[in-house]
Amino acid sequence: MTRYRYYTATTLDGFLADDTDSLAWLFKQHIDDDGPGNATQFIAGVGAQVMGATTYAWILEHERSWLPQMPTFVFTHRELEPANEHVSFLAGDPTRHRTAIESAAGDRDVWIMGGGDLAAEFATAGMLDEVLVSIAPVTLGAGRPLFGGAFDLALQECDRNGDFVVARYDVVGPLKNP
């Protein structure tokens, strides 16, 4: 069964990027490329990836190597050009595109790459199973939030990789008031 997994890094105060979409904080952290929560192991189980337009634009400008050669769905209302034959553009509720995304993933997982609002849209649609997050020992005070909604999560694993705390959570559902 295809799992939808939000795999990302965040600052201790819960930001993916600063106010100018910079990830400079991320690249100065020490991480063991073969350690817990490593990208190579994660991507080996991924058949398709999903991202928002801001993440896609940042990748094209800064880190084209982050655009794996797999089906990539970019949720956007902007007019954008595909970086390669694997990139498709979608708009609207994720449930409208579930069949196409899962078909593209085959028997592998779907990586919700970013951003936080898109991950929350997938969670709201019942299409987010896990949050895998590497938490860096830095705070930004403001920026792009890790997650754009209120949800209950259940911690399944926790480890350390270099400077990062690596945690895996199951998505329980919308946050309910006690």
Protein backbone atom coordinates (compact mmCIF):
# COMPACT_ATOMS: atom_id res chain seq x y z
CA MET A 1 0.00 0.00 0.00
CA THR A 2 1.30 3.44 -0.92
CA ARG A 3 2.24 5.62 2.05
CA TYR A 4 2.35 9.40 1.92
CA ARG A 5 5.40 10.61 3.84
CA TYR A 6 6.41 14.19 4.60
CA TYR A 7 10.23 14.08 4.81
CA THR A 8 11.92 17.37 5.64
CA ALA A 9 14.22 19.30 7.95
CA THR A 10 13.21 22.09 10.28
CA THR A 11 14.67 24.52 12.76
CA LEU A 12 14.01 23.99 16.46
CA ASP A 13 11.34 26.71 16.31
CA GLY A 14 9.57 25.01 13.42
CA PHE A 15 10.65 26.76 10.22
CA LEU A 16 11.64 25.17 6.91
CA ALA A 17 13.22 28.34 5.52
CA ASP A 18 13.68 31.93 6.59
CA ASP A 19 11.61 34.92 5.37
CA THR A 20 13.57 35.04 2.10
CA ASP A 21 13.29 31.26 1.50
CA SER A 22 16.94 30.77 2.42
CA LEU A 23 18.12 27.39 3.67
CA ALA A 24 21.53 28.67 4.76
CA TRP A 25 20.79 27.46 8.31
CA LEU A 26 20.41 23.90 6.99
CA PHE A 27 23.65 23.67 5.04
CA LYS A 28 25.85 24.65 7.99
CA GLN A 29 24.64 21.71 10.13
CA HIS A 30 26.64 18.50 10.46
CA ILE A 31 24.89 15.33 9.25
CA ASP A 32 26.14 11.81 8.56
CA ASP A 33 24.98 10.91 5.04
CA ASP A 34 24.70 7.26 6.13
CA GLY A 35 23.18 7.96 9.55
CA PRO A 36 19.62 7.64 10.84
CA GLY A 37 17.00 9.34 8.69
CA ASN A 38 19.37 9.69 5.73
CA ALA A 39 18.00 10.83 2.38
CA THR A 40 19.48 7.99 0.32
CA GLN A 41 17.70 5.31 2.31
CA PHE A 42 14.45 7.31 2.35
CA ILE A 43 14.45 8.00 -1.41
CA ALA A 44 15.09 4.31 -2.17
CA GLY A 45 11.49 3.63 -1.05
CA VAL A 46 9.94 6.53 -2.94
CA GLY A 47 8.16 6.15 -6.29
CA ALA A 48 6.82 9.70 -6.70
CA GLN A 49 7.25 13.07 -5.08
CA VAL A 50 4.92 16.00 -4.50
CA MET A 51 5.86 19.61 -3.80
CA GLY A 52 4.51 23.13 -3.93
CA ALA A 53 5.49 25.81 -6.42
CA THR A 54 7.77 27.68 -4.00
CA THR A 55 9.76 24.52 -3.26
CA TYR A 56 9.96 23.71 -6.97
CA ALA A 57 11.19 27.21 -7.86
CA TRP A 58 13.81 27.08 -5.07
CA ILE A 59 15.11 23.72 -6.29
CA LEU A 60 15.41 24.96 -9.86
CA GLU A 61 17.32 28.03 -8.72
CA HIS A 62 19.58 26.48 -6.06
CA GLU A 63 19.70 22.66 -5.98
CA ARG A 64 18.59 20.98 -9.21
CA SER A 65 20.11 17.75 -7.89
CA TRP A 66 17.19 17.61 -5.42
CA LEU A 67 14.85 16.89 -8.33
CA PRO A 68 15.15 13.11 -8.55
CA GLN A 69 14.44 11.32 -11.81
CA MET A 70 11.01 10.09 -10.74
CA PRO A 71 7.43 11.26 -11.24
CA THR A 72 7.21 14.70 -9.64
CA PHE A 73 3.90 16.49 -9.07
CA VAL A 74 4.01 20.23 -8.41
CA PHE A 75 0.86 21.73 -6.92
CA THR A 76 0.53 25.26 -8.26
CA HIS A 77 -1.69 27.88 -9.80
CA ARG A 78 1.32 29.51 -11.49
CA GLU A 79 2.41 29.04 -15.09
CA LEU A 80 5.67 27.09 -14.74
CA GLU A 81 7.90 25.14 -17.08
CA PRO A 82 8.73 21.51 -16.35
CA ALA A 83 12.41 20.92 -15.53
CA ASN A 84 12.29 17.50 -17.16
CA GLU A 85 9.89 14.88 -18.50
CA HIS A 86 9.10 13.66 -14.97
CA VAL A 87 7.49 16.93 -13.80
CA SER A 88 3.71 17.47 -13.95
CA PHE A 89 1.70 20.40 -12.63
CA LEU A 90 -1.52 19.96 -10.64
CA ALA A 91 -3.95 22.25 -8.86
CA GLY A 92 -6.75 21.78 -6.38
CA ASP A 93 -7.54 19.29 -3.66
CA PRO A 94 -5.05 16.41 -3.40
CA THR A 95 -7.87 13.85 -3.38
CA ARG A 96 -8.68 14.79 -6.99
CA HIS A 97 -5.22 13.57 -7.99
CA ARG A 98 -4.82 10.59 -5.66
CA THR A 99 -5.22 7.93 -8.36
CA ALA A 100 -2.63 9.56 -10.66
CA ILE A 101 -0.12 10.08 -7.84
CA GLU A 102 -0.45 6.53 -6.52
CA SER A 103 -0.31 5.06 -10.01
CA ALA A 104 2.94 6.96 -10.65
CA ALA A 105 4.39 5.77 -7.31
CA GLY A 106 3.66 2.14 -8.14
CA ASP A 107 4.27 -0.07 -5.12
CA ARG A 108 6.44 2.58 -3.47
CA ASP A 109 5.81 5.62 -1.27
CA VAL A 110 4.94 9.23 -2.11
CA TRP A 111 7.31 11.87 -0.76
CA ILE A 112 5.57 15.07 0.27
CA MET A 113 8.66 17.23 -0.16
CA GLY A 114 7.31 20.63 0.82
CA GLY A 115 6.18 22.99 1.90
CA GLY A 116 4.37 22.94 5.18
CA ASP A 117 1.05 24.22 3.84
CA LEU A 118 1.00 21.53 1.16
CA ALA A 119 1.77 18.83 3.75
CA ALA A 120 -1.17 20.11 5.82
CA GLU A 121 -3.43 19.99 2.74
CA PHE A 122 -2.51 16.33 2.27
CA ALA A 123 -3.11 15.66 5.99
CA THR A 124 -6.50 17.38 5.83
CA ALA A 125 -7.38 15.20 2.84
CA GLY A 126 -6.41 12.07 4.82
CA MET A 127 -3.43 11.57 2.52
CA LEU A 128 -0.52 11.94 4.93
CA ASP A 129 0.61 8.89 6.87
CA GLU A 130 3.96 9.96 8.34
CA VAL A 131 6.03 13.00 9.17
CA LEU A 132 9.78 12.32 9.13
CA VAL A 133 11.59 15.40 10.34
CA SER A 134 15.21 16.25 11.11
CA ILE A 135 15.31 19.03 13.70
CA ALA A 136 18.34 21.33 13.60
CA PRO A 137 19.78 23.14 16.65
CA VAL A 138 19.02 26.60 15.30
CA THR A 139 16.13 29.05 15.58
CA LEU A 140 15.04 31.60 13.00
CA GLY A 141 12.22 33.43 14.79
CA ALA A 142 10.19 33.65 11.57
CA GLY A 143 9.95 32.10 8.14
CA ARG A 144 8.17 29.27 6.32
CA PRO A 145 6.45 27.05 8.91
CA LEU A 146 7.07 23.31 9.14
CA PHE A 147 3.36 22.51 9.03
CA GLY A 148 0.35 24.62 8.14
CA GLY A 149 -2.29 23.12 10.38
CA ALA A 150 -3.25 21.62 13.72
CA PHE A 151 -2.82 17.84 13.82
CA ASP A 152 -2.21 15.13 16.37
CA LEU A 153 0.91 13.07 15.70
CA ALA A 154 2.23 9.96 17.44
CA LEU A 155 5.99 9.59 17.90
CA GLN A 156 7.19 6.25 16.48
CA GLU A 157 10.98 6.68 16.42
CA CYS A 158 13.59 9.16 17.56
CA ASP A 159 17.33 9.17 16.90
CA ARG A 160 20.29 11.46 16.42
CA ASN A 161 22.22 12.14 13.23
CA GLY A 162 25.05 14.62 13.68
CA ASP A 163 23.54 17.91 14.80
CA PHE A 164 19.97 16.74 14.11
CA VAL A 165 17.29 15.05 16.16
CA VAL A 166 15.55 12.73 13.70
CA ALA A 167 11.95 11.85 14.50
CA ARG A 168 9.27 9.80 12.76
CA TYR A 169 5.63 10.43 13.59
CA ASP A 170 2.40 8.80 12.45
CA VAL A 171 -0.31 11.28 11.54
CA VAL A 172 -3.23 10.57 13.88
CA GLY A 173 -5.64 13.20 12.51
CA PRO A 174 -6.86 16.73 13.07
CA LEU A 175 -6.05 18.10 16.52
CA LYS A 176 -9.02 17.61 18.83
CA ASN A 177 -9.60 19.83 21.84
CA PRO A 178 -9.34 17.91 25.13
